[in-house]
Amino acid sequence: PDLNGYEKYGLGNVKYNISEIHVTAVEFPNASISLIPGTGIKLVIGNASLTIDMNWNIRTWMFKDTGRSTVYISKVFVTAIFSTPLDNTGHTSISLTSCRTTSGDIDIKLNGKS
C-alpha cells in the first residue's frame, strides 16, 4: 500500500506520499530450519538483504519535489520460533510464538527534480 501523511518540521509541515512500492530483490544467503522438540520449528536467516523501489513526492510551503527512490537494506538477521500444536481435530497447526529481527545497513538513493 501507498504511504502518505505529514510531519511537522520547524516552521511548517512536510507532506509526503510514497507510492508504487515494489520489492525488486531478496537474498537469503544463510538460512536454516531446525526442529525444537516439544515446541516446534526454529527459522534462522542470517545476512539477508532486500531492495525496494518506489516513487515519492514531498511538499512544503516553500517547495515541492517528486522522484524515484531505491532502498537497499542489508545485514538483516531474523530468528523466528513457530509452535506446531495439534488442533482439536488432530491436525497440526502453526503459529508464530516469537520473532526477532535486526538490520545493519540501510542505503537510500533519491532521484528527484531538485
PDB file of N, CA and C in Angstrom:
ATOM      1  N   PRO A   1       0.823  -1.204   0.000  1.00  0.00           N
ATOM      2  CA  PRO A   1       0.000   0.000   0.000  1.00  0.00           C
ATOM      3  C   PRO A   1       0.864   1.265   0.000  1.00  0.00           C
ATOM      4  N   ASP A   2       0.283   2.339  -0.505  1.00  0.00           N
ATOM      5  CA  ASP A   2       0.967   3.630  -0.503  1.00  0.00           C
ATOM      6  C   ASP A   2       1.067   4.160   0.920  1.00  0.00           C
ATOM      7  N   LEU A   3       2.093   4.977   1.165  1.00  0.00           N
ATOM      8  CA  LEU A   3       2.275   5.627   2.460  1.00  0.00           C
ATOM      9  C   LEU A   3       2.158   7.121   2.245  1.00  0.00           C
ATOM     10  N   ASN A   4       1.354   7.802   3.046  1.00  0.00           N
ATOM     11  CA  ASN A   4       1.275   9.249   2.939  1.00  0.00           C
ATOM     12  C   ASN A   4       0.927   9.849   4.291  1.00  0.00           C
ATOM     13  N   GLY A   5       1.254  11.122   4.418  1.00  0.00           N
ATOM     14  CA  GLY A   5       0.994  11.810   5.664  1.00  0.00           C
ATOM     15  C   GLY A   5       1.758  13.110   5.716  1.00  0.00           C
ATOM     16  N   TYR A   6       1.965  13.611   6.935  1.00  0.00           N
ATOM     17  CA  TYR A   6       2.748  14.832   7.077  1.00  0.00           C
ATOM     18  C   TYR A   6       3.501  14.804   8.399  1.00  0.00           C
ATOM     19  N   GLU A   7       4.593  15.511   8.409  1.00  0.00           N
ATOM     20  CA  GLU A   7       5.417  15.669   9.602  1.00  0.00           C
ATOM     21  C   GLU A   7       5.636  17.153   9.825  1.00  0.00           C
ATOM     22  N   LYS A   8       5.670  17.568  11.068  1.00  0.00           N
ATOM     23  CA  LYS A   8       5.894  18.975  11.399  1.00  0.00           C
ATOM     24  C   LYS A   8       7.384  19.188  11.642  1.00  0.00           C
ATOM     25  N   TYR A   9       7.980  20.092  10.869  1.00  0.00           N
ATOM     26  CA  TYR A   9       9.399  20.438  10.998  1.00  0.00           C
ATOM     27  C   TYR A   9       9.533  21.949  11.037  1.00  0.00           C
ATOM     28  N   GLY A  10      10.155  22.446  12.082  1.00  0.00           N
ATOM     29  CA  GLY A  10      10.457  23.876  12.169  1.00  0.00           C
ATOM     30  C   GLY A  10       9.264  24.761  11.930  1.00  0.00           C
ATOM     31  N   LEU A  11       9.269  25.463  10.797  1.00  0.00           N
ATOM     32  CA  LEU A  11       8.251  26.468  10.504  1.00  0.00           C
ATOM     33  C   LEU A  11       7.008  25.934   9.799  1.00  0.00           C
ATOM     34  N   GLY A  12       6.981  24.661   9.450  1.00  0.00           N
ATOM     35  CA  GLY A  12       5.803  24.182   8.735  1.00  0.00           C
ATOM     36  C   GLY A  12       5.744  22.674   8.633  1.00  0.00           C
ATOM     37  N   ASN A  13       4.759  22.221   7.882  1.00  0.00           N
ATOM     38  CA  ASN A  13       4.549  20.800   7.686  1.00  0.00           C
ATOM     39  C   ASN A  13       5.188  20.337   6.380  1.00  0.00           C
ATOM     40  N   VAL A  14       5.637  19.105   6.391  1.00  0.00           N
ATOM     41  CA  VAL A  14       6.125  18.447   5.189  1.00  0.00           C
ATOM     42  C   VAL A  14       5.119  17.349   4.872  1.00  0.00           C
ATOM     43  N   LYS A  15       4.440  17.484   3.736  1.00  0.00           N
ATOM     44  CA  LYS A  15       3.506  16.447   3.298  1.00  0.00           C
ATOM     45  C   LYS A  15       4.271  15.508   2.381  1.00  0.00           C
ATOM     46  N   TYR A  16       4.023  14.197   2.540  1.00  0.00           N
ATOM     47  CA  TYR A  16       4.743  13.224   1.726  1.00  0.00           C
ATOM     48  C   TYR A  16       3.798  12.148   1.217  1.00  0.00           C
ATOM     49  N   ASN A  17       4.196  11.535   0.110  1.00  0.00           N
ATOM     50  CA  ASN A  17       3.480  10.402  -0.456  1.00  0.00           C
ATOM     51  C   ASN A  17       4.525   9.461  -1.045  1.00  0.00           C
ATOM     52  N   ILE A  18       4.472   8.196  -0.661  1.00  0.00           N
ATOM     53  CA  ILE A  18       5.338   7.165  -1.209  1.00  0.00           C
ATOM     54  C   ILE A  18       4.428   6.145  -1.873  1.00  0.00           C
ATOM     55  N   SER A  19       4.638   5.915  -3.175  1.00  0.00           N
ATOM     56  CA  SER A  19       3.723   5.052  -3.927  1.00  0.00           C
ATOM     57  C   SER A  19       4.500   4.071  -4.806  1.00  0.00           C
ATOM     58  N   GLU A  20       3.774   3.137  -5.372  1.00  0.00           N
ATOM     59  CA  GLU A  20       4.338   2.110  -6.259  1.00  0.00           C
ATOM     60  C   GLU A  20       5.549   1.426  -5.619  1.00  0.00           C
ATOM     61  N   ILE A  21       5.354   0.971  -4.381  1.00  0.00           N
ATOM     62  CA  ILE A  21       6.413   0.309  -3.630  1.00  0.00           C
ATOM     63  C   ILE A  21       6.538  -1.133  -4.135  1.00  0.00           C
ATOM     64  N   HIS A  22       7.744  -1.479  -4.605  1.00  0.00           N
ATOM     65  CA  HIS A  22       7.981  -2.828  -5.137  1.00  0.00           C
ATOM     66  C   HIS A  22       9.266  -3.400  -4.560  1.00  0.00           C
ATOM     67  N   VAL A  23       9.182  -4.606  -4.040  1.00  0.00           N
ATOM     68  CA  VAL A  23      10.381  -5.332  -3.626  1.00  0.00           C
ATOM     69  C   VAL A  23      10.963  -5.941  -4.898  1.00  0.00           C
ATOM     70  N   THR A  24      12.184  -5.527  -5.245  1.00  0.00           N
ATOM     71  CA  THR A  24      12.778  -5.970  -6.508  1.00  0.00           C
ATOM     72  C   THR A  24      13.831  -7.062  -6.330  1.00  0.00           C
ATOM     73  N   ALA A  25      14.333  -7.250  -5.126  1.00  0.00           N
ATOM     74  CA  ALA A  25      15.311  -8.315  -4.887  1.00  0.00           C
ATOM     75  C   ALA A  25      15.310  -8.702  -3.410  1.00  0.00           C
ATOM     76  N   VAL A  26      15.451  -9.993  -3.159  1.00  0.00           N
ATOM     77  CA  VAL A  26      15.572 -10.525  -1.802  1.00  0.00           C
ATOM     78  C   VAL A  26      16.639 -11.619  -1.853  1.00  0.00           C
ATOM     79  N   GLU A  27      17.574 -11.576  -0.916  1.00  0.00           N
ATOM     80  CA  GLU A  27      18.599 -12.611  -0.848  1.00  0.00           C
ATOM     81  C   GLU A  27      18.675 -13.173   0.565  1.00  0.00           C
ATOM     82  N   PHE A  28      18.686 -14.512   0.657  1.00  0.00           N
ATOM     83  CA  PHE A  28      18.836 -15.222   1.924  1.00  0.00           C
ATOM     84  C   PHE A  28      20.071 -16.119   1.827  1.00  0.00           C
ATOM     85  N   PRO A  29      21.279 -15.558   1.943  1.00  0.00           N
ATOM     86  CA  PRO A  29      22.481 -16.387   1.770  1.00  0.00           C
ATOM     87  C   PRO A  29      22.690 -17.412   2.881  1.00  0.00           C
ATOM     88  N   ASN A  30      22.197 -17.122   4.068  1.00  0.00           N
ATOM     89  CA  ASN A  30      22.351 -18.056   5.193  1.00  0.00           C
ATOM     90  C   ASN A  30      20.989 -18.256   5.844  1.00  0.00           C
ATOM     91  N   ALA A  31      20.384 -19.403   5.598  1.00  0.00           N
ATOM     92  CA  ALA A  31      19.081 -19.698   6.194  1.00  0.00           C
ATOM     93  C   ALA A  31      19.066 -21.149   6.663  1.00  0.00           C
ATOM     94  N   SER A  32      18.441 -21.362   7.819  1.00  0.00           N
ATOM     95  CA  SER A  32      18.327 -22.726   8.319  1.00  0.00           C
ATOM     96  C   SER A  32      17.010 -22.909   9.052  1.00  0.00           C
ATOM     97  N   ILE A  33      16.536 -24.137   9.030  1.00  0.00           N
ATOM     98  CA  ILE A  33      15.319 -24.517   9.750  1.00  0.00           C
ATOM     99  C   ILE A  33      15.680 -25.725  10.605  1.00  0.00           C
ATOM    100  N   SER A  34      15.279 -25.683  11.880  1.00  0.00           N
ATOM    101  CA  SER A  34      15.544 -26.823  12.755  1.00  0.00           C
ATOM    102  C   SER A  34      14.317 -27.106  13.611  1.00  0.00           C
ATOM    103  N   LEU A  35      14.214 -28.332  14.049  1.00  0.00           N
ATOM    104  CA  LEU A  35      13.107 -28.733  14.926  1.00  0.00           C
ATOM    105  C   LEU A  35      13.514 -28.519  16.375  1.00  0.00           C
ATOM    106  N   ILE A  36      12.576 -28.022  17.171  1.00  0.00           N
ATOM    107  CA  ILE A  36      12.772 -27.860  18.608  1.00  0.00           C
ATOM    108  C   ILE A  36      11.826 -28.849  19.285  1.00  0.00           C
ATOM    109  N   PRO A  37      12.357 -29.915  19.864  1.00  0.00           N
ATOM    110  CA  PRO A  37      11.491 -30.940  20.460  1.00  0.00           C
ATOM    111  C   PRO A  37      10.514 -30.354  21.482  1.00  0.00           C
ATOM    112  N   GLY A  38       9.255 -30.732  21.340  1.00  0.00           N
ATOM    113  CA  GLY A  38       8.221 -30.292  22.259  1.00  0.00           C
ATOM    114  C   GLY A  38       7.734 -28.877  22.035  1.00  0.00           C
ATOM    115  N   THR A  39       8.342 -28.158  21.091  1.00  0.00           N
ATOM    116  CA  THR A  39       7.963 -26.760  20.850  1.00  0.00           C
ATOM    117  C   THR A  39       7.503 -26.531  19.424  1.00  0.00           C
ATOM    118  N   GLY A  40       8.373 -26.815  18.461  1.00  0.00           N
ATOM    119  CA  GLY A  40       8.002 -26.558  17.075  1.00  0.00           C
ATOM    120  C   GLY A  40       9.199 -26.399  16.167  1.00  0.00           C
ATOM    121  N   ILE A  41       9.263 -25.289  15.476  1.00  0.00           N
ATOM    122  CA  ILE A  41      10.257 -25.064  14.430  1.00  0.00           C
ATOM    123  C   ILE A  41      10.978 -23.742  14.686  1.00  0.00           C
ATOM    124  N   LYS A  42      12.286 -23.753  14.462  1.00  0.00           N
ATOM    125  CA  LYS A  42      13.089 -22.532  14.572  1.00  0.00           C
ATOM    126  C   LYS A  42      13.628 -22.193  13.174  1.00  0.00           C
ATOM    127  N   LEU A  43      13.383 -20.960  12.755  1.00  0.00           N
ATOM    128  CA  LEU A  43      13.870 -20.452  11.478  1.00  0.00           C
ATOM    129  C   LEU A  43      14.901 -19.371  11.762  1.00  0.00           C
ATOM    130  N   VAL A  44      16.092 -19.515  11.183  1.00  0.00           N
ATOM    131  CA  VAL A  44      17.143 -18.523  11.350  1.00  0.00           C
ATOM    132  C   VAL A  44      17.596 -18.069   9.963  1.00  0.00           C
ATOM    133  N   ILE A  45      17.558 -16.768   9.738  1.00  0.00           N
ATOM    134  CA  ILE A  45      18.029 -16.174   8.484  1.00  0.00           C
ATOM    135  C   ILE A  45      19.137 -15.202   8.849  1.00  0.00           C
ATOM    136  N   GLY A  46      20.302 -15.374   8.219  1.00  0.00           N
ATOM    137  CA  GLY A  46      21.435 -14.517   8.531  1.00  0.00           C
ATOM    138  C   GLY A  46      21.955 -13.790   7.311  1.00  0.00           C
ATOM    139  N   ASN A  47      22.315 -12.540   7.509  1.00  0.00           N
ATOM    140  CA  ASN A  47      22.938 -11.715   6.482  1.00  0.00           C
ATOM    141  C   ASN A  47      22.082 -11.583   5.220  1.00  0.00           C
ATOM    142  N   ALA A  48      20.789 -11.447   5.391  1.00  0.00           N
ATOM    143  CA  ALA A  48      19.880 -11.285   4.254  1.00  0.00           C
ATOM    144  C   ALA A  48      19.917  -9.839   3.761  1.00  0.00           C
ATOM    145  N   SER A  49      19.415  -9.633   2.552  1.00  0.00           N
ATOM    146  CA  SER A  49      19.318  -8.274   2.012  1.00  0.00           C
ATOM    147  C   SER A  49      18.032  -8.130   1.209  1.00  0.00           C
ATOM    148  N   LEU A  50      17.642  -6.875   1.010  1.00  0.00           N
ATOM    149  CA  LEU A  50      16.361  -6.555   0.391  1.00  0.00           C
ATOM    150  C   LEU A  50      16.509  -5.248  -0.380  1.00  0.00           C
ATOM    151  N   THR A  51      15.996  -5.202  -1.604  1.00  0.00           N
ATOM    152  CA  THR A  51      15.998  -3.976  -2.396  1.00  0.00           C
ATOM    153  C   THR A  51      14.555  -3.593  -2.704  1.00  0.00           C
ATOM    154  N   ILE A  52      14.224  -2.316  -2.458  1.00  0.00           N
ATOM    155  CA  ILE A  52      12.866  -1.809  -2.661  1.00  0.00           C
ATOM    156  C   ILE A  52      12.939  -0.567  -3.541  1.00  0.00           C
ATOM    157  N   ASP A  53      12.119  -0.517  -4.596  1.00  0.00           N
ATOM    158  CA  ASP A  53      11.997   0.673  -5.443  1.00  0.00           C
ATOM    159  C   ASP A  53      10.646   1.320  -5.190  1.00  0.00           C
ATOM    160  N   MET A  54      10.586   2.660  -5.308  1.00  0.00           N
ATOM    161  CA  MET A  54       9.331   3.369  -5.060  1.00  0.00           C
ATOM    162  C   MET A  54       9.358   4.759  -5.683  1.00  0.00           C
ATOM    163  N   ASN A  55       8.196   5.332  -5.849  1.00  0.00           N
ATOM    164  CA  ASN A  55       8.046   6.743  -6.227  1.00  0.00           C
ATOM    165  C   ASN A  55       7.798   7.537  -4.953  1.00  0.00           C
ATOM    166  N   TRP A  56       8.189   8.810  -4.952  1.00  0.00           N
ATOM    167  CA  TRP A  56       7.953   9.654  -3.785  1.00  0.00           C
ATOM    168  C   TRP A  56       7.655  11.076  -4.230  1.00  0.00           C
ATOM    169  N   ASN A  57       6.944  11.800  -3.392  1.00  0.00           N
ATOM    170  CA  ASN A  57       6.814  13.243  -3.577  1.00  0.00           C
ATOM    171  C   ASN A  57       6.638  13.889  -2.212  1.00  0.00           C
ATOM    172  N   ILE A  58       7.195  15.089  -2.102  1.00  0.00           N
ATOM    173  CA  ILE A  58       7.060  15.870  -0.880  1.00  0.00           C
ATOM    174  C   ILE A  58       6.631  17.277  -1.245  1.00  0.00           C
ATOM    175  N   ARG A  59       5.979  17.933  -0.291  1.00  0.00           N
ATOM    176  CA  ARG A  59       5.509  19.299  -0.500  1.00  0.00           C
ATOM    177  C   ARG A  59       5.596  20.054   0.816  1.00  0.00           C
ATOM    178  N   THR A  60       6.179  21.233   0.762  1.00  0.00           N
ATOM    179  CA  THR A  60       6.194  22.132   1.909  1.00  0.00           C
ATOM    180  C   THR A  60       5.635  23.460   1.444  1.00  0.00           C
ATOM    181  N   TRP A  61       5.559  24.430   2.339  1.00  0.00           N
ATOM    182  CA  TRP A  61       5.068  25.758   1.950  1.00  0.00           C
ATOM    183  C   TRP A  61       6.060  26.438   1.012  1.00  0.00           C
ATOM    184  N   MET A  62       7.320  25.969   0.983  1.00  0.00           N
ATOM    185  CA  MET A  62       8.354  26.610   0.192  1.00  0.00           C
ATOM    186  C   MET A  62       8.648  25.914  -1.137  1.00  0.00           C
ATOM    187  N   PHE A  63       8.533  24.587  -1.195  1.00  0.00           N
ATOM    188  CA  PHE A  63       8.861  23.862  -2.425  1.00  0.00           C
ATOM    189  C   PHE A  63       8.140  22.526  -2.468  1.00  0.00           C
ATOM    190  N   LYS A  64       8.207  21.916  -3.658  1.00  0.00           N
ATOM    191  CA  LYS A  64       7.710  20.557  -3.820  1.00  0.00           C
ATOM    192  C   LYS A  64       8.659  19.825  -4.753  1.00  0.00           C
ATOM    193  N   ASP A  65       8.713  18.521  -4.605  1.00  0.00           N
ATOM    194  CA  ASP A  65       9.597  17.722  -5.439  1.00  0.00           C
ATOM    195  C   ASP A  65       9.022  16.315  -5.543  1.00  0.00           C
ATOM    196  N   THR A  66       9.347  15.635  -6.638  1.00  0.00           N
ATOM    197  CA  THR A  66       8.945  14.251  -6.851  1.00  0.00           C
ATOM    198  C   THR A  66      10.134  13.492  -7.410  1.00  0.00           C
ATOM    199  N   GLY A  67      10.076  12.185  -7.310  1.00  0.00           N
ATOM    200  CA  GLY A  67      11.151  11.391  -7.871  1.00  0.00           C
ATOM    201  C   GLY A  67      10.979   9.916  -7.613  1.00  0.00           C
ATOM    202  N   ARG A  68      12.060   9.213  -7.817  1.00  0.00           N
ATOM    203  CA  ARG A  68      12.110   7.774  -7.653  1.00  0.00           C
ATOM    204  C   ARG A  68      13.183   7.471  -6.606  1.00  0.00           C
ATOM    205  N   SER A  69      13.010   6.385  -5.876  1.00  0.00           N
ATOM    206  CA  SER A  69      13.953   6.041  -4.819  1.00  0.00           C
ATOM    207  C   SER A  69      14.210   4.541  -4.819  1.00  0.00           C
ATOM    208  N   THR A  70      15.441   4.178  -4.441  1.00  0.00           N
ATOM    209  CA  THR A  70      15.802   2.781  -4.225  1.00  0.00           C
ATOM    210  C   THR A  70      16.351   2.670  -2.810  1.00  0.00           C
ATOM    211  N   VAL A  71      15.824   1.719  -2.061  1.00  0.00           N
ATOM    212  CA  VAL A  71      16.270   1.467  -0.690  1.00  0.00           C
ATOM    213  C   VAL A  71      16.886   0.071  -0.665  1.00  0.00           C
ATOM    214  N   TYR A  72      18.120  -0.002  -0.176  1.00  0.00           N
ATOM    215  CA  TYR A  72      18.819  -1.278  -0.045  1.00  0.00           C
ATOM    216  C   TYR A  72      19.068  -1.528   1.442  1.00  0.00           C
ATOM    217  N   ILE A  73      18.501  -2.613   1.961  1.00  0.00           N
ATOM    218  CA  ILE A  73      18.645  -2.978   3.362  1.00  0.00           C
ATOM    219  C   ILE A  73      19.494  -4.245   3.409  1.00  0.00           C
ATOM    220  N   SER A  74      20.583  -4.190   4.179  1.00  0.00           N
ATOM    221  CA  SER A  74      21.473  -5.350   4.238  1.00  0.00           C
ATOM    222  C   SER A  74      21.794  -5.702   5.681  1.00  0.00           C
ATOM    223  N   LYS A  75      22.474  -6.818   5.841  1.00  0.00           N
ATOM    224  CA  LYS A  75      22.832  -7.355   7.152  1.00  0.00           C
ATOM    225  C   LYS A  75      21.581  -7.563   8.013  1.00  0.00           C
ATOM    226  N   VAL A  76      20.563  -8.163   7.401  1.00  0.00           N
ATOM    227  CA  VAL A  76      19.304  -8.449   8.093  1.00  0.00           C
ATOM    228  C   VAL A  76      19.398  -9.839   8.721  1.00  0.00           C
ATOM    229  N   PHE A  77      19.064  -9.908  10.007  1.00  0.00           N
ATOM    230  CA  PHE A  77      19.077 -11.169  10.734  1.00  0.00           C
ATOM    231  C   PHE A  77      17.698 -11.397  11.348  1.00  0.00           C
ATOM    232  N   VAL A  78      17.160 -12.598  11.155  1.00  0.00           N
ATOM    233  CA  VAL A  78      15.824 -12.949  11.657  1.00  0.00           C
ATOM    234  C   VAL A  78      15.911 -14.283  12.383  1.00  0.00           C
ATOM    235  N   THR A  79      15.318 -14.336  13.563  1.00  0.00           N
ATOM    236  CA  THR A  79      15.131 -15.601  14.270  1.00  0.00           C
ATOM    237  C   THR A  79      13.651 -15.688  14.634  1.00  0.00           C
ATOM    238  N   ALA A  80      13.006 -16.739  14.179  1.00  0.00           N
ATOM    239  CA  ALA A  80      11.572 -16.915  14.442  1.00  0.00           C
ATOM    240  C   ALA A  80      11.333 -18.318  15.000  1.00  0.00           C
ATOM    241  N   ILE A  81      10.448 -18.394  15.971  1.00  0.00           N
ATOM    242  CA  ILE A  81      10.042 -19.671  16.564  1.00  0.00           C
ATOM    243  C   ILE A  81       8.554 -19.867  16.267  1.00  0.00           C
ATOM    244  N   PHE A  82       8.242 -21.019  15.689  1.00  0.00           N
ATOM    245  CA  PHE A  82       6.855 -21.370  15.381  1.00  0.00           C
ATOM    246  C   PHE A  82       6.450 -22.562  16.246  1.00  0.00           C
ATOM    247  N   SER A  83       5.293 -22.468  16.881  1.00  0.00           N
ATOM    248  CA  SER A  83       4.782 -23.635  17.605  1.00  0.00           C
ATOM    249  C   SER A  83       3.938 -24.452  16.635  1.00  0.00           C
ATOM    250  N   THR A  84       3.915 -25.755  16.861  1.00  0.00           N
ATOM    251  CA  THR A  84       3.188 -26.646  15.949  1.00  0.00           C
ATOM    252  C   THR A  84       2.293 -27.608  16.735  1.00  0.00           C
ATOM    253  N   PRO A  85       1.311 -27.063  17.461  1.00  0.00           N
ATOM    254  CA  PRO A  85       0.434 -27.957  18.232  1.00  0.00           C
ATOM    255  C   PRO A  85      -0.598 -28.638  17.330  1.00  0.00           C
ATOM    256  N   LEU A  86      -1.214 -29.677  17.869  1.00  0.00           N
ATOM    257  CA  LEU A  86      -2.326 -30.321  17.173  1.00  0.00           C
ATOM    258  C   LEU A  86      -3.614 -29.588  17.531  1.00  0.00           C
ATOM    259  N   ASP A  87      -4.475 -29.367  16.530  1.00  0.00           N
ATOM    260  CA  ASP A  87      -5.768 -28.743  16.828  1.00  0.00           C
ATOM    261  C   ASP A  87      -6.723 -29.816  17.347  1.00  0.00           C
ATOM    262  N   ASN A  88      -7.970 -29.439  17.620  1.00  0.00           N
ATOM    263  CA  ASN A  88      -8.918 -30.384  18.229  1.00  0.00           C
ATOM    264  C   ASN A  88      -9.354 -31.506  17.286  1.00  0.00           C
ATOM    265  N   THR A  89      -9.004 -31.405  16.009  1.00  0.00           N
ATOM    266  CA  THR A  89      -9.310 -32.497  15.070  1.00  0.00           C
ATOM    267  C   THR A  89      -8.100 -33.390  14.831  1.00  0.00           C
ATOM    268  N   GLY A  90      -6.961 -33.089  15.497  1.00  0.00           N
ATOM    269  CA  GLY A  90      -5.760 -33.900  15.346  1.00  0.00           C
ATOM    270  C   GLY A  90      -4.827 -33.432  14.246  1.00  0.00           C
ATOM    271  N   HIS A  91      -5.157 -32.327  13.574  1.00  0.00           N
ATOM    272  CA  HIS A  91      -4.294 -31.787  12.532  1.00  0.00           C
ATOM    273  C   HIS A  91      -3.285 -30.805  13.140  1.00  0.00           C
ATOM    274  N   THR A  92      -2.115 -30.751  12.540  1.00  0.00           N
ATOM    275  CA  THR A  92      -1.087 -29.833  13.018  1.00  0.00           C
ATOM    276  C   THR A  92      -1.424 -28.412  12.584  1.00  0.00           C
ATOM    277  N   SER A  93      -1.320 -27.498  13.507  1.00  0.00           N
ATOM    278  CA  SER A  93      -1.474 -26.084  13.169  1.00  0.00           C
ATOM    279  C   SER A  93      -0.122 -25.421  13.400  1.00  0.00           C
ATOM    280  N   ILE A  94       0.040 -24.203  12.925  1.00  0.00           N
ATOM    281  CA  ILE A  94       1.309 -23.491  13.090  1.00  0.00           C
ATOM    282  C   ILE A  94       1.011 -22.050  13.481  1.00  0.00           C
ATOM    283  N   SER A  95       1.775 -21.542  14.451  1.00  0.00           N
ATOM    284  CA  SER A  95       1.615 -20.137  14.828  1.00  0.00           C
ATOM    285  C   SER A  95       2.967 -19.591  15.260  1.00  0.00           C
ATOM    286  N   LEU A  96       3.170 -18.325  14.989  1.00  0.00           N
ATOM    287  CA  LEU A  96       4.412 -17.646  15.346  1.00  0.00           C
ATOM    288  C   LEU A  96       4.385 -17.323  16.831  1.00  0.00           C
ATOM    289  N   THR A  97       5.373 -17.813  17.589  1.00  0.00           N
ATOM    290  CA  THR A  97       5.406 -17.535  19.021  1.00  0.00           C
ATOM    291  C   THR A  97       6.435 -16.477  19.397  1.00  0.00           C
ATOM    292  N   SER A  98       7.496 -16.327  18.585  1.00  0.00           N
ATOM    293  CA  SER A  98       8.442 -15.241  18.828  1.00  0.00           C
ATOM    294  C   SER A  98       9.185 -14.930  17.536  1.00  0.00           C
ATOM    295  N   CYS A  99       9.607 -13.672  17.431  1.00  0.00           N
ATOM    296  CA  CYS A  99      10.332 -13.242  16.248  1.00  0.00           C
ATOM    297  C   CYS A  99      11.242 -12.083  16.637  1.00  0.00           C
ATOM    298  N   ARG A 100      12.486 -12.151  16.211  1.00  0.00           N
ATOM    299  CA  ARG A 100      13.449 -11.074  16.463  1.00  0.00           C
ATOM    300  C   ARG A 100      14.136 -10.760  15.141  1.00  0.00           C
ATOM    301  N   THR A 101      14.149  -9.465  14.791  1.00  0.00           N
ATOM    302  CA  THR A 101      14.749  -9.024  13.536  1.00  0.00           C
ATOM    303  C   THR A 101      15.651  -7.829  13.791  1.00  0.00           C
ATOM    304  N   THR A 102      16.825  -7.841  13.183  1.00  0.00           N
ATOM    305  CA  THR A 102      17.721  -6.688  13.225  1.00  0.00           C
ATOM    306  C   THR A 102      18.236  -6.429  11.812  1.00  0.00           C
ATOM    307  N   SER A 103      18.540  -5.170  11.536  1.00  0.00           N
ATOM    308  CA  SER A 103      19.150  -4.832  10.246  1.00  0.00           C
ATOM    309  C   SER A 103      20.375  -3.966  10.516  1.00  0.00           C
ATOM    310  N   GLY A 104      21.395  -4.154   9.700  1.00  0.00           N
ATOM    311  CA  GLY A 104      22.646  -3.455   9.916  1.00  0.00           C
ATOM    312  C   GLY A 104      22.782  -2.169   9.139  1.00  0.00           C
ATOM    313  N   ASP A 105      22.541  -2.214   7.846  1.00  0.00           N
ATOM    314  CA  ASP A 105      22.746  -1.057   6.985  1.00  0.00           C
ATOM    315  C   ASP A 105      21.515  -0.778   6.142  1.00  0.00           C
ATOM    316  N   ILE A 106      21.237   0.523   5.968  1.00  0.00           N
ATOM    317  CA  ILE A 106      20.177   0.955   5.069  1.00  0.00           C
ATOM    318  C   ILE A 106      20.758   2.049   4.183  1.00  0.00           C
ATOM    319  N   ASP A 107      20.713   1.827   2.868  1.00  0.00           N
ATOM    320  CA  ASP A 107      21.223   2.797   1.895  1.00  0.00           C
ATOM    321  C   ASP A 107      20.037   3.291   1.080  1.00  0.00           C
ATOM    322  N   ILE A 108      19.812   4.607   1.071  1.00  0.00           N
ATOM    323  CA  ILE A 108      18.680   5.201   0.358  1.00  0.00           C
ATOM    324  C   ILE A 108      19.207   6.113  -0.744  1.00  0.00           C
ATOM    325  N   LYS A 109      18.780   5.855  -1.976  1.00  0.00           N
ATOM    326  CA  LYS A 109      19.141   6.711  -3.100  1.00  0.00           C
ATOM    327  C   LYS A 109      17.880   7.421  -3.581  1.00  0.00           C
ATOM    328  N   LEU A 110      17.914   8.755  -3.549  1.00  0.00           N
ATOM    329  CA  LEU A 110      16.787   9.568  -4.002  1.00  0.00           C
ATOM    330  C   LEU A 110      17.141  10.227  -5.328  1.00  0.00           C
ATOM    331  N   ASN A 111      16.282  10.067  -6.299  1.00  0.00           N
ATOM    332  CA  ASN A 111      16.430  10.750  -7.579  1.00  0.00           C
ATOM    333  C   ASN A 111      15.216  11.637  -7.763  1.00  0.00           C
ATOM    334  N   GLY A 112      15.437  12.937  -7.836  1.00  0.00           N
ATOM    335  CA  GLY A 112      14.331  13.869  -7.974  1.00  0.00           C
ATOM    336  C   GLY A 112      14.688  15.029  -8.877  1.00  0.00           C
ATOM    337  N   LYS A 113      13.740  15.901  -9.073  1.00  0.00           N
ATOM    338  CA  LYS A 113      13.957  17.060  -9.931  1.00  0.00           C
ATOM    339  C   LYS A 113      14.918  18.058  -9.295  1.00  0.00           C
ATOM    340  N   SER A 114      14.879  18.183  -7.969  1.00  0.00           N
ATOM    341  CA  SER A 114      15.770  19.126  -7.284  1.00  0.00           C
ATOM    342  C   SER A 114      17.102  18.486  -7.043  1.00  0.00           C
TER     343      SER A 114
END
